[in-house]
C-alpha atoms as a PDB file:
ATOM      1  CA  UNK A   1      70.333-140.443-141.980  1.00  0.00           C
ATOM      2  CA  UNK A   2      72.466-137.396-141.222  1.00  0.00           C
ATOM      3  CA  UNK A   3      70.077-134.706-139.886  1.00  0.00           C
ATOM      4  CA  UNK A   4      66.624-134.298-138.210  1.00  0.00           C
ATOM      5  CA  UNK A   5      65.401-130.554-138.468  1.00  0.00           C
ATOM      6  CA  UNK A   6      62.814-130.135-135.551  1.00  0.00           C
ATOM      7  CA  UNK A   7      60.400-127.140-136.234  1.00  0.00           C
ATOM      8  CA  UNK A   8      57.883-126.090-133.501  1.00  0.00           C
ATOM      9  CA  UNK A   9      55.364-123.897-134.855  1.00  0.00           C
ATOM     10  CA  UNK A  10      52.182-121.925-133.906  1.00  0.00           C
ATOM     11  CA  UNK A  11      50.640-119.692-136.624  1.00  0.00           C
ATOM     12  CA  UNK A  12      53.465-119.394-139.282  1.00  0.00           C
ATOM     13  CA  UNK A  13      51.762-120.451-142.648  1.00  0.00           C
ATOM     14  CA  UNK A  14      53.217-117.637-144.246  1.00  0.00           C
ATOM     15  CA  UNK A  15      57.022-118.679-143.435  1.00  0.00           C
ATOM     16  CA  UNK A  16      56.776-122.509-143.826  1.00  0.00           C
ATOM     17  CA  UNK A  17      57.312-122.741-147.493  1.00  0.00           C
ATOM     18  CA  UNK A  18      60.237-120.662-147.526  1.00  0.00           C
ATOM     19  CA  UNK A  19      61.940-122.429-144.493  1.00  0.00           C
ATOM     20  CA  UNK A  20      61.285-125.842-145.770  1.00  0.00           C
ATOM     21  CA  UNK A  21      62.764-124.665-149.369  1.00  0.00           C
ATOM     22  CA  UNK A  22      65.799-123.078-147.710  1.00  0.00           C
ATOM     23  CA  UNK A  23      66.532-126.338-145.317  1.00  0.00           C
ATOM     24  CA  UNK A  24      66.378-128.389-148.497  1.00  0.00           C
ATOM     25  CA  UNK A  25      68.751-126.267-150.646  1.00  0.00           C
ATOM     26  CA  UNK A  26      71.200-125.966-147.697  1.00  0.00           C
ATOM     27  CA  UNK A  27      71.167-129.815-146.927  1.00  0.00           C
ATOM     28  CA  UNK A  28      71.432-130.712-150.771  1.00  0.00           C
ATOM     29  CA  UNK A  29      74.238-128.269-151.467  1.00  0.00           C
ATOM     30  CA  UNK A  30      76.336-129.666-148.386  1.00  0.00           C
ATOM     31  CA  UNK A  31      75.402-133.339-149.495  1.00  0.00           C
ATOM     32  CA  UNK A  32      73.345-134.234-145.980  1.00  0.00           C
ATOM     33  CA  UNK A  33      70.466-136.567-145.872  1.00  0.00           C
ATOM     34  CA  UNK A  34      67.768-134.907-143.868  1.00  0.00           C
ATOM     35  CA  UNK A  35      64.119-135.097-142.613  1.00  0.00           C
ATOM     36  CA  UNK A  36      62.001-132.162-141.194  1.00  0.00           C
ATOM     37  CA  UNK A  37      60.153-132.897-138.254  1.00  0.00           C
ATOM     38  CA  UNK A  38      57.244-130.136-137.944  1.00  0.00           C
ATOM     39  CA  UNK A  39      55.116-129.960-135.092  1.00  0.00           C
ATOM     40  CA  UNK A  40      52.030-127.659-135.112  1.00  0.00           C
ATOM     41  CA  UNK A  41      51.234-126.440-131.683  1.00  0.00           C
ATOM     42  CA  UNK A  42      47.536-125.858-132.105  1.00  0.00           C
ATOM     43  CA  UNK A  43      47.526-123.291-134.910  1.00  0.00           C
ATOM     44  CA  UNK A  44      44.675-121.380-136.191  1.00  0.00           C
ATOM     45  CA  UNK A  45      45.634-120.245-139.286  1.00  0.00           C
ATOM     46  CA  UNK A  46      46.234-122.505-142.412  1.00  0.00           C
ATOM     47  CA  UNK A  47      49.663-123.764-141.049  1.00  0.00           C
ATOM     48  CA  UNK A  48      48.590-127.477-141.165  1.00  0.00           C
ATOM     49  CA  UNK A  49      47.221-127.466-144.670  1.00  0.00           C
ATOM     50  CA  UNK A  50      50.717-125.801-145.660  1.00  0.00           C
ATOM     51  CA  UNK A  51      52.622-128.630-144.040  1.00  0.00           C
ATOM     52  CA  UNK A  52      50.410-131.141-145.823  1.00  0.00           C
ATOM     53  CA  UNK A  53      51.364-129.513-148.916  1.00  0.00           C
ATOM     54  CA  UNK A  54      55.025-129.364-148.248  1.00  0.00           C
ATOM     55  CA  UNK A  55      54.966-132.968-147.155  1.00  0.00           C
ATOM     56  CA  UNK A  56      54.431-133.920-151.129  1.00  0.00           C
ATOM     57  CA  UNK A  57      57.713-132.166-151.992  1.00  0.00           C
ATOM     58  CA  UNK A  58      59.973-132.523-149.189  1.00  0.00           C
ATOM     59  CA  UNK A  59      60.726-135.354-146.585  1.00  0.00           C
ATOM     60  CA  UNK A  60      58.405-133.686-143.856  1.00  0.00           C
ATOM     61  CA  UNK A  61      57.026-135.630-140.711  1.00  0.00           C
ATOM     62  CA  UNK A  62      54.555-133.446-138.792  1.00  0.00           C
ATOM     63  CA  UNK A  63      51.803-134.032-135.954  1.00  0.00           C
ATOM     64  CA  UNK A  64      49.465-131.530-135.043  1.00  0.00           C
ATOM     65  CA  UNK A  65      48.269-130.858-131.439  1.00  0.00           C
ATOM     66  CA  UNK A  66      44.726-130.452-130.656  1.00  0.00           C
ATOM     67  CA  UNK A  67      45.343-127.483-128.691  1.00  0.00           C
ATOM     68  CA  UNK A  68      48.448-125.123-127.984  1.00  0.00           C
ATOM     69  CA  UNK A  69      50.457-127.010-125.248  1.00  0.00           C
ATOM     70  CA  UNK A  70      53.544-124.787-125.668  1.00  0.00           C
ATOM     71  CA  UNK A  71      57.178-125.005-126.914  1.00  0.00           C
ATOM     72  CA  UNK A  72      58.355-127.471-124.677  1.00  0.00           C
ATOM     73  CA  UNK A  73      55.666-130.049-125.556  1.00  0.00           C
ATOM     74  CA  UNK A  74      56.110-129.376-129.266  1.00  0.00           C
ATOM     75  CA  UNK A  75      59.896-130.138-128.897  1.00  0.00           C
ATOM     76  CA  UNK A  76      59.578-133.235-126.533  1.00  0.00           C
ATOM     77  CA  UNK A  77      57.204-134.941-129.211  1.00  0.00           C
ATOM     78  CA  UNK A  78      59.407-133.873-131.976  1.00  0.00           C
ATOM     79  CA  UNK A  79      62.479-135.444-130.187  1.00  0.00           C
ATOM     80  CA  UNK A  80      60.512-138.683-130.096  1.00  0.00           C
ATOM     81  CA  UNK A  81      59.952-139.012-133.746  1.00  0.00           C
ATOM     82  CA  UNK A  82      63.404-137.986-135.008  1.00  0.00           C
ATOM     83  CA  UNK A  83      65.866-140.435-136.851  1.00  0.00           C
ATOM     84  CA  UNK A  84      69.141-138.378-137.732  1.00  0.00           C
ATOM     85  CA  UNK A  85      72.304-138.782-136.217  1.00  0.00           C
ATOM     86  CA  UNK A  86      72.111-135.102-135.533  1.00  0.00           C
ATOM     87  CA  UNK A  87      68.943-133.235-134.424  1.00  0.00           C
ATOM     88  CA  UNK A  88      69.024-129.554-134.907  1.00  0.00           C
ATOM     89  CA  UNK A  89      66.039-127.421-133.651  1.00  0.00           C
ATOM     90  CA  UNK A  90      65.113-124.154-135.301  1.00  0.00           C
ATOM     91  CA  UNK A  91      61.954-121.620-135.065  1.00  0.00           C
ATOM     92  CA  UNK A  92      59.761-121.581-137.823  1.00  0.00           C
ATOM     93  CA  UNK A  93      59.803-117.622-138.080  1.00  0.00           C
ATOM     94  CA  UNK A  94      63.000-117.517-140.511  1.00  0.00           C
ATOM     95  CA  UNK A  95      64.857-115.750-137.650  1.00  0.00           C
ATOM     96  CA  UNK A  96      67.011-118.727-137.433  1.00  0.00           C
ATOM     97  CA  UNK A  97      68.753-119.305-140.474  1.00  0.00           C
ATOM     98  CA  UNK A  98      69.219-122.759-142.145  1.00  0.00           C
ATOM     99  CA  UNK A  99      72.489-121.696-143.491  1.00  0.00           C
ATOM    100  CA  UNK A 100      74.279-122.570-140.091  1.00  0.00           C
ATOM    101  CA  UNK A 101      73.038-126.520-140.391  1.00  0.00           C
ATOM    102  CA  UNK A 102      76.314-127.903-142.169  1.00  0.00           C
ATOM    103  CA  UNK A 103      78.584-126.117-139.363  1.00  0.00           C
ATOM    104  CA  UNK A 104      76.497-127.129-136.503  1.00  0.00           C
ATOM    105  CA  UNK A 105      76.385-130.691-137.761  1.00  0.00           C
ATOM    106  CA  UNK A 106      80.360-130.671-138.248  1.00  0.00           C
ATOM    107  CA  UNK A 107      80.651-129.373-134.482  1.00  0.00           C
ATOM    108  CA  UNK A 108      78.625-132.381-133.285  1.00  0.00           C
ATOM    109  CA  UNK A 109      80.063-135.177-135.437  1.00  0.00           C
ATOM    110  CA  UNK A 110      83.703-134.079-135.645  1.00  0.00           C
ATOM    111  CA  UNK A 111      84.401-131.780-132.562  1.00  0.00           C
ATOM    112  CA  UNK A 112      82.736-134.326-130.446  1.00  0.00           C
ATOM    113  CA  UNK A 113      80.125-132.096-128.848  1.00  0.00           C
ATOM    114  CA  UNK A 114      77.093-133.328-127.356  1.00  0.00           C
ATOM    115  CA  UNK A 115      75.137-130.295-127.820  1.00  0.00           C
ATOM    116  CA  UNK A 116      76.024-126.955-129.635  1.00  0.00           C
ATOM    117  CA  UNK A 117      73.790-123.893-128.805  1.00  0.00           C
ATOM    118  CA  UNK A 118      73.492-120.908-131.230  1.00  0.00           C
ATOM    119  CA  UNK A 119      74.507-117.453-130.082  1.00  0.00           C
ATOM    120  CA  UNK A 120      72.869-114.269-131.616  1.00  0.00           C
ATOM    121  CA  UNK A 121      75.543-112.332-130.863  1.00  0.00           C
ATOM    122  CA  UNK A 122      73.842-109.335-133.000  1.00  0.00           C
ATOM    123  CA  UNK A 123      69.894-109.263-132.395  1.00  0.00           C
ATOM    124  CA  UNK A 124      67.235-107.670-134.196  1.00  0.00           C
ATOM    125  CA  UNK A 125      64.955-107.464-131.281  1.00  0.00           C
ATOM    126  CA  UNK A 126      63.865-104.209-129.403  1.00  0.00           C
ATOM    127  CA  UNK A 127      65.575-103.110-126.363  1.00  0.00           C
ATOM    128  CA  UNK A 128      62.771-104.151-124.136  1.00  0.00           C
ATOM    129  CA  UNK A 129      63.507-107.536-124.961  1.00  0.00           C
ATOM    130  CA  UNK A 130      67.456-107.636-125.246  1.00  0.00           C
ATOM    131  CA  UNK A 131      68.143-106.179-121.782  1.00  0.00           C
ATOM    132  CA  UNK A 132      66.101-108.830-119.669  1.00  0.00           C
ATOM    133  CA  UNK A 133      67.373-111.501-121.986  1.00  0.00           C
ATOM    134  CA  UNK A 134      70.870-110.608-121.166  1.00  0.00           C
ATOM    135  CA  UNK A 135      69.886-110.398-117.442  1.00  0.00           C
ATOM    136  CA  UNK A 136      68.470-113.735-117.550  1.00  0.00           C
ATOM    137  CA  UNK A 137      71.244-115.559-119.287  1.00  0.00           C
ATOM    138  CA  UNK A 138      73.540-114.023-116.864  1.00  0.00           C
ATOM    139  CA  UNK A 139      71.599-115.531-113.977  1.00  0.00           C
ATOM    140  CA  UNK A 140      71.436-118.971-115.829  1.00  0.00           C
ATOM    141  CA  UNK A 141      75.233-119.246-116.161  1.00  0.00           C
ATOM    142  CA  UNK A 142      75.911-118.253-112.448  1.00  0.00           C
ATOM    143  CA  UNK A 143      73.021-120.744-111.487  1.00  0.00           C
ATOM    144  CA  UNK A 144      74.069-123.738-113.838  1.00  0.00           C
ATOM    145  CA  UNK A 145      77.667-123.298-114.283  1.00  0.00           C
ATOM    146  CA  UNK A 146      77.369-123.581-118.102  1.00  0.00           C
ATOM    147  CA  UNK A 147      79.072-120.746-119.746  1.00  0.00           C
ATOM    148  CA  UNK A 148      76.574-120.101-122.701  1.00  0.00           C
ATOM    149  CA  UNK A 149      75.723-116.533-123.862  1.00  0.00           C
ATOM    150  CA  UNK A 150      72.308-117.148-125.206  1.00  0.00           C
ATOM    151  CA  UNK A 151      70.540-120.316-123.461  1.00  0.00           C
ATOM    152  CA  UNK A 152      67.081-119.295-125.008  1.00  0.00           C
ATOM    153  CA  UNK A 153      68.190-119.238-128.930  1.00  0.00           C
ATOM    154  CA  UNK A 154      65.885-121.656-130.594  1.00  0.00           C
ATOM    155  CA  UNK A 155      68.809-122.924-133.077  1.00  0.00           C
ATOM    156  CA  UNK A 156      70.654-125.882-131.388  1.00  0.00           C
ATOM    157  CA  UNK A 157      72.021-129.015-132.606  1.00  0.00           C
ATOM    158  CA  UNK A 158      72.171-132.123-130.609  1.00  0.00           C
ATOM    159  CA  UNK A 159      73.474-135.692-130.635  1.00  0.00           C
ATOM    160  CA  UNK A 160      70.735-137.889-131.373  1.00  0.00           C
ATOM    161  CA  UNK A 161      71.543-139.764-128.034  1.00  0.00           C
ATOM    162  CA  UNK A 162      70.966-136.545-126.333  1.00  0.00           C
ATOM    163  CA  UNK A 163      67.365-135.981-127.252  1.00  0.00           C
ATOM    164  CA  UNK A 164      66.373-139.353-126.875  1.00  0.00           C
ATOM    165  CA  UNK A 165      67.511-139.583-123.316  1.00  0.00           C
ATOM    166  CA  UNK A 166      66.055-136.068-121.808  1.00  0.00           C
ATOM    167  CA  UNK A 167      62.488-134.936-121.226  1.00  0.00           C
ATOM    168  CA  UNK A 168      61.358-131.533-121.843  1.00  0.00           C
ATOM    169  CA  UNK A 169      58.098-130.345-120.172  1.00  0.00           C
ATOM    170  CA  UNK A 170      56.350-127.322-118.883  1.00  0.00           C
ATOM    171  CA  UNK A 171      58.313-124.368-120.223  1.00  0.00           C
ATOM    172  CA  UNK A 172      61.980-126.160-119.696  1.00  0.00           C
ATOM    173  CA  UNK A 173      62.971-125.614-123.450  1.00  0.00           C
ATOM    174  CA  UNK A 174      64.875-122.564-122.155  1.00  0.00           C
ATOM    175  CA  UNK A 175      67.272-124.780-120.080  1.00  0.00           C
ATOM    176  CA  UNK A 176      67.661-127.653-122.528  1.00  0.00           C
ATOM    177  CA  UNK A 177      71.560-127.324-121.815  1.00  0.00           C
ATOM    178  CA  UNK A 178      70.966-127.700-118.068  1.00  0.00           C
ATOM    179  CA  UNK A 179      68.890-130.847-118.582  1.00  0.00           C
ATOM    180  CA  UNK A 180      71.315-132.078-120.683  1.00  0.00           C
ATOM    181  CA  UNK A 181      74.291-131.578-118.611  1.00  0.00           C
ATOM    182  CA  UNK A 182      72.185-133.044-115.659  1.00  0.00           C
ATOM    183  CA  UNK A 183      71.644-136.174-117.893  1.00  0.00           C
ATOM    184  CA  UNK A 184      75.306-136.655-118.171  1.00  0.00           C
ATOM    185  CA  UNK A 185      76.084-134.617-121.292  1.00  0.00           C
ATOM    186  CA  UNK A 186      78.474-131.898-120.116  1.00  0.00           C
ATOM    187  CA  UNK A 187      80.413-131.515-123.776  1.00  0.00           C
ATOM    188  CA  UNK A 188      78.263-128.331-124.284  1.00  0.00           C
ATOM    189  CA  UNK A 189      79.417-125.965-127.134  1.00  0.00           C
ATOM    190  CA  UNK A 190      78.579-122.648-128.525  1.00  0.00           C
ATOM    191  CA  UNK A 191      78.376-121.370-132.007  1.00  0.00           C
ATOM    192  CA  UNK A 192      77.627-117.555-133.068  1.00  0.00           C
ATOM    193  CA  UNK A 193      74.730-117.625-135.354  1.00  0.00           C
ATOM    194  CA  UNK A 194      73.048-115.155-137.671  1.00  0.00           C
ATOM    195  CA  UNK A 195      69.737-113.383-136.279  1.00  0.00           C
ATOM    196  CA  UNK A 196      67.588-112.514-138.833  1.00  0.00           C
ATOM    197  CA  UNK A 197      64.491-109.814-138.430  1.00  0.00           C
ATOM    198  CA  UNK A 198      60.978-111.442-138.459  1.00  0.00           C
ATOM    199  CA  UNK A 199      59.666-111.265-141.664  1.00  0.00           C
ATOM    200  CA  UNK A 200      56.231-112.471-141.131  1.00  0.00           C
ATOM    201  CA  UNK A 201      53.507-112.404-138.330  1.00  0.00           C
ATOM    202  CA  UNK A 202      54.487-111.448-134.825  1.00  0.00           C
ATOM    203  CA  UNK A 203      56.216-112.774-131.828  1.00  0.00           C
ATOM    204  CA  UNK A 204      54.274-115.446-129.769  1.00  0.00           C
ATOM    205  CA  UNK A 205      55.900-114.518-126.330  1.00  0.00           C
ATOM    206  CA  UNK A 206      55.260-111.989-123.911  1.00  0.00           C
ATOM    207  CA  UNK A 207      56.720-110.323-120.790  1.00  0.00           C
ATOM    208  CA  UNK A 208      55.302-113.385-118.687  1.00  0.00           C
ATOM    209  CA  UNK A 209      58.247-115.672-120.424  1.00  0.00           C
ATOM    210  CA  UNK A 210      60.658-113.872-118.022  1.00  0.00           C
ATOM    211  CA  UNK A 211      58.790-114.457-114.827  1.00  0.00           C
ATOM    212  CA  UNK A 212      58.078-118.029-115.950  1.00  0.00           C
ATOM    213  CA  UNK A 213      61.871-118.560-117.055  1.00  0.00           C
ATOM    214  CA  UNK A 214      63.307-117.755-113.526  1.00  0.00           C
ATOM    215  CA  UNK A 215      60.416-120.056-111.747  1.00  0.00           C
ATOM    216  CA  UNK A 216      61.657-122.818-114.308  1.00  0.00           C
ATOM    217  CA  UNK A 217      65.322-122.103-113.261  1.00  0.00           C
ATOM    218  CA  UNK A 218      64.674-122.501-109.933  1.00  0.00           C
ATOM    219  CA  UNK A 219      62.548-125.829-110.377  1.00  0.00           C
ATOM    220  CA  UNK A 220      65.066-127.497-112.547  1.00  0.00           C
ATOM    221  CA  UNK A 221      68.033-126.453-110.377  1.00  0.00           C
ATOM    222  CA  UNK A 222      66.119-127.974-107.226  1.00  0.00           C
ATOM    223  CA  UNK A 223      65.024-131.195-109.289  1.00  0.00           C
ATOM    224  CA  UNK A 224      68.729-131.706-110.572  1.00  0.00           C
ATOM    225  CA  UNK A 225      70.194-131.644-107.291  1.00  0.00           C
ATOM    226  CA  UNK A 226      67.440-133.063-104.755  1.00  0.00           C
ATOM    227  CA  UNK A 227      65.052-134.690-107.078  1.00  0.00           C
ATOM    228  CA  UNK A 228      66.251-138.023-105.880  1.00  0.00           C
ATOM    229  CA  UNK A 229      67.029-137.076-102.262  1.00  0.00           C
ATOM    230  CA  UNK A 230      64.539-134.652-101.095  1.00  0.00           C
ATOM    231  CA  UNK A 231      65.441-135.253 -97.345  1.00  0.00           C
ATOM    232  CA  UNK A 232      68.709-133.796 -97.914  1.00  0.00           C
ATOM    233  CA  UNK A 233      66.970-130.502 -98.667  1.00  0.00           C
ATOM    234  CA  UNK A 234      64.027-130.338 -96.602  1.00  0.00           C
ATOM    235  CA  UNK A 235      65.617-132.704 -93.784  1.00  0.00           C
ATOM    236  CA  UNK A 236      68.710-130.249 -93.289  1.00  0.00           C
ATOM    237  CA  UNK A 237      66.588-127.168 -93.370  1.00  0.00           C
ATOM    238  CA  UNK A 238      63.686-128.508 -90.897  1.00  0.00           C
ATOM    239  CA  UNK A 239      66.799-130.051 -88.378  1.00  0.00           C
ATOM    240  CA  UNK A 240      68.190-126.676 -88.251  1.00  0.00           C
ATOM    241  CA  UNK A 241      64.937-124.926 -87.493  1.00  0.00           C
ATOM    242  CA  UNK A 242      63.954-127.441 -85.154  1.00  0.00           C
ATOM    243  CA  UNK A 243      67.385-127.372 -83.328  1.00  0.00           C
ATOM    244  CA  UNK A 244      67.285-123.336 -83.253  1.00  0.00           C
ATOM    245  CA  UNK A 245      63.782-123.318 -81.865  1.00  0.00           C
ATOM    246  CA  UNK A 246      64.477-125.950 -79.301  1.00  0.00           C
ATOM    247  CA  UNK A 247      67.735-124.444 -78.000  1.00  0.00           C
ATOM    248  CA  UNK A 248      65.830-120.927 -77.833  1.00  0.00           C
ATOM    249  CA  UNK A 249      63.151-122.497 -75.957  1.00  0.00           C
ATOM    250  CA  UNK A 250      65.344-124.601 -73.433  1.00  0.00           C
ATOM    251  CA  UNK A 251      67.304-121.334 -72.603  1.00  0.00           C
ATOM    252  CA  UNK A 252      64.025-119.360 -71.852  1.00  0.00           C
ATOM    253  CA  UNK A 253      63.107-122.040 -69.614  1.00  0.00           C
ATOM    254  CA  UNK A 254      66.298-122.334 -67.843  1.00  0.00           C
ATOM    255  CA  UNK A 255      66.467-118.367 -67.483  1.00  0.00           C
ATOM    256  CA  UNK A 256      63.128-118.578 -65.810  1.00  0.00           C
ATOM    257  CA  UNK A 257      64.547-121.652 -63.314  1.00  0.00           C
ATOM    258  CA  UNK A 258      67.645-119.610 -62.629  1.00  0.00           C
ATOM    259  CA  UNK A 259      65.978-116.363 -61.867  1.00  0.00           C
ATOM    260  CA  UNK A 260      63.124-118.156 -59.692  1.00  0.00           C
ATOM    261  CA  UNK A 261      65.953-119.917 -57.976  1.00  0.00           C
ATOM    262  CA  UNK A 262      67.818-116.744 -56.889  1.00  0.00           C
ATOM    263  CA  UNK A 263      64.666-114.847 -56.391  1.00  0.00           C
ATOM    264  CA  UNK A 264      65.325-112.711 -59.139  1.00  0.00           C
ATOM    265  CA  UNK A 265      63.159-110.692 -61.112  1.00  0.00           C
ATOM    266  CA  UNK A 266      62.183-112.122 -64.555  1.00  0.00           C
ATOM    267  CA  UNK A 267      59.585-111.991 -67.205  1.00  0.00           C
ATOM    268  CA  UNK A 268      57.104-115.129 -67.817  1.00  0.00           C
ATOM    269  CA  UNK A 269      58.087-117.271 -70.388  1.00  0.00           C
ATOM    270  CA  UNK A 270      54.810-116.777 -72.305  1.00  0.00           C
ATOM    271  CA  UNK A 271      55.115-112.924 -72.381  1.00  0.00           C
ATOM    272  CA  UNK A 272      58.317-113.014 -74.236  1.00  0.00           C
ATOM    273  CA  UNK A 273      57.899-112.851 -78.191  1.00  0.00           C
ATOM    274  CA  UNK A 274      61.292-114.863 -78.554  1.00  0.00           C
ATOM    275  CA  UNK A 275      59.248-117.996 -76.932  1.00  0.00           C
ATOM    276  CA  UNK A 276      56.474-117.565 -79.972  1.00  0.00           C
ATOM    277  CA  UNK A 277      59.159-117.420 -82.437  1.00  0.00           C
ATOM    278  CA  UNK A 278      60.994-120.371 -81.047  1.00  0.00           C
ATOM    279  CA  UNK A 279      57.781-122.338 -81.170  1.00  0.00           C
ATOM    280  CA  UNK A 280      57.021-121.295 -84.800  1.00  0.00           C
ATOM    281  CA  UNK A 281      60.809-122.484 -85.991  1.00  0.00           C
ATOM    282  CA  UNK A 282      59.947-125.949 -83.927  1.00  0.00           C
ATOM    283  CA  UNK A 283      56.787-126.354 -85.912  1.00  0.00           C
ATOM    284  CA  UNK A 284      58.243-125.292 -89.265  1.00  0.00           C
ATOM    285  CA  UNK A 285      61.084-127.442 -88.818  1.00  0.00           C
ATOM    286  CA  UNK A 286      58.962-130.576 -87.912  1.00  0.00           C
ATOM    287  CA  UNK A 287      56.903-129.713 -91.069  1.00  0.00           C
ATOM    288  CA  UNK A 288      59.910-129.509 -93.596  1.00  0.00           C
ATOM    289  CA  UNK A 289      61.284-132.822 -91.970  1.00  0.00           C
ATOM    290  CA  UNK A 290      58.164-134.528 -92.691  1.00  0.00           C
ATOM    291  CA  UNK A 291      58.052-132.917 -95.984  1.00  0.00           C
ATOM    292  CA  UNK A 292      61.265-134.660 -96.801  1.00  0.00           C
ATOM    293  CA  UNK A 293      60.364-137.968 -95.421  1.00  0.00           C
ATOM    294  CA  UNK A 294      57.296-137.957 -97.530  1.00  0.00           C
ATOM    295  CA  UNK A 295      59.413-136.876-100.479  1.00  0.00           C
ATOM    296  CA  UNK A 296      61.997-139.945-100.019  1.00  0.00           C
ATOM    297  CA  UNK A 297      59.084-142.224 -99.635  1.00  0.00           C
ATOM    298  CA  UNK A 298      57.622-141.059-103.062  1.00  0.00           C
ATOM    299  CA  UNK A 299      60.912-141.241-104.643  1.00  0.00           C
ATOM    300  CA  UNK A 300      61.388-144.683-103.394  1.00  0.00           C
ATOM    301  CA  UNK A 301      58.421-145.927-104.990  1.00  0.00           C
ATOM    302  CA  UNK A 302      58.903-143.815-108.109  1.00  0.00           C
ATOM    303  CA  UNK A 303      58.927-146.604-111.068  1.00  0.00           C
ATOM    304  CA  UNK A 304      61.550-144.317-112.828  1.00  0.00           C
ATOM    305  CA  UNK A 305      63.814-144.231-109.896  1.00  0.00           C
ATOM    306  CA  UNK A 306      66.120-147.065-111.224  1.00  0.00           C
ATOM    307  CA  UNK A 307      66.240-145.632-114.862  1.00  0.00           C
ATOM    308  CA  UNK A 308      70.120-144.934-115.160  1.00  0.00           C
ATOM    309  CA  UNK A 309      71.387-143.867-118.404  1.00  0.00           C
ATOM    310  CA  UNK A 310      74.050-146.462-119.846  1.00  0.00           C
ATOM    311  CA  UNK A 311      76.769-145.324-121.806  1.00  0.00           C
ATOM    312  CA  UNK A 312      78.343-148.361-123.160  1.00  0.00           C
ATOM    313  CA  UNK A 313      78.090-152.168-122.932  1.00  0.00           C
ATOM    314  CA  UNK A 314      80.750-154.409-123.088  1.00  0.00           C
ATOM    315  CA  UNK A 315      80.160-158.549-123.475  1.00  0.00           C
ATOM    316  CA  UNK A 316      76.393-157.857-123.173  1.00  0.00           C
ATOM    317  CA  UNK A 317      73.878-159.636-125.194  1.00  0.00           C
ATOM    318  CA  UNK A 318      70.763-157.361-125.357  1.00  0.00           C
ATOM    319  CA  UNK A 319      67.453-159.069-125.134  1.00  0.00           C
ATOM    320  CA  UNK A 320      64.913-159.031-127.790  1.00  0.00           C
ATOM    321  CA  UNK A 321      61.657-157.245-126.616  1.00  0.00           C
END
């Protein structure tokens, strides 16, 4: 099978028939075999009934969550089901154009990209959404080193191996290119795609996504760099804080001894605010070091710690399960 189209959705009963028909028309015109994997993320409208009806006409696979878990969970479950050589994700609200599918497929299969991210260069969103999005994209580029203009675009194409090698959780769907790069797939491209104005319903995302987005970025950058070696982070900061507090304490005590020996006026060590700051630094340093030590113990007992992605094998007979 050439293509799997993964469509997470929430209350999109009106747009689903048009979307399925559009995908079918494009794939047949381009002579591409395909499947549509729809994930109903706890819709309250008739979305699930519409999906069941579409499955009688189109090659649709679908699952329905008991409640709303979020886009990341929907994508993760969709990735587990796909069978196509190239996996394409798009939103169900018709703002992503299926006409982009053939070129996205070509860029993965012929140009050799592991992941191709859409770039909605011309957007039909209000300025209250576009300005924060530009700031968010600039920050993510700076933090990740990945030169994409639109990280949050729902229209993306992946080599099948990529989606089978990553896990998307929380609200990490915004950072799938970062996750893919961390997993060993650095060949990431970008394509300018058409952005369509919303035809039905209303957006499911509010202002909280910008706050959550930056928190998720901090989380994923920390995990990608220190997830398997927490002592390098906590231990380093903790050691520096402990050393600073210890040196200041020794200096204050030495100052008292010196002044006492030469009968010079001096302040009691416990009367100096600097002494208490030094004690705080020592305590915090010890706690951070202990946190790093405990993190190392947890990572060493993690059953997945030795799961490494093998790129290729030569002269190896795989065992049957």
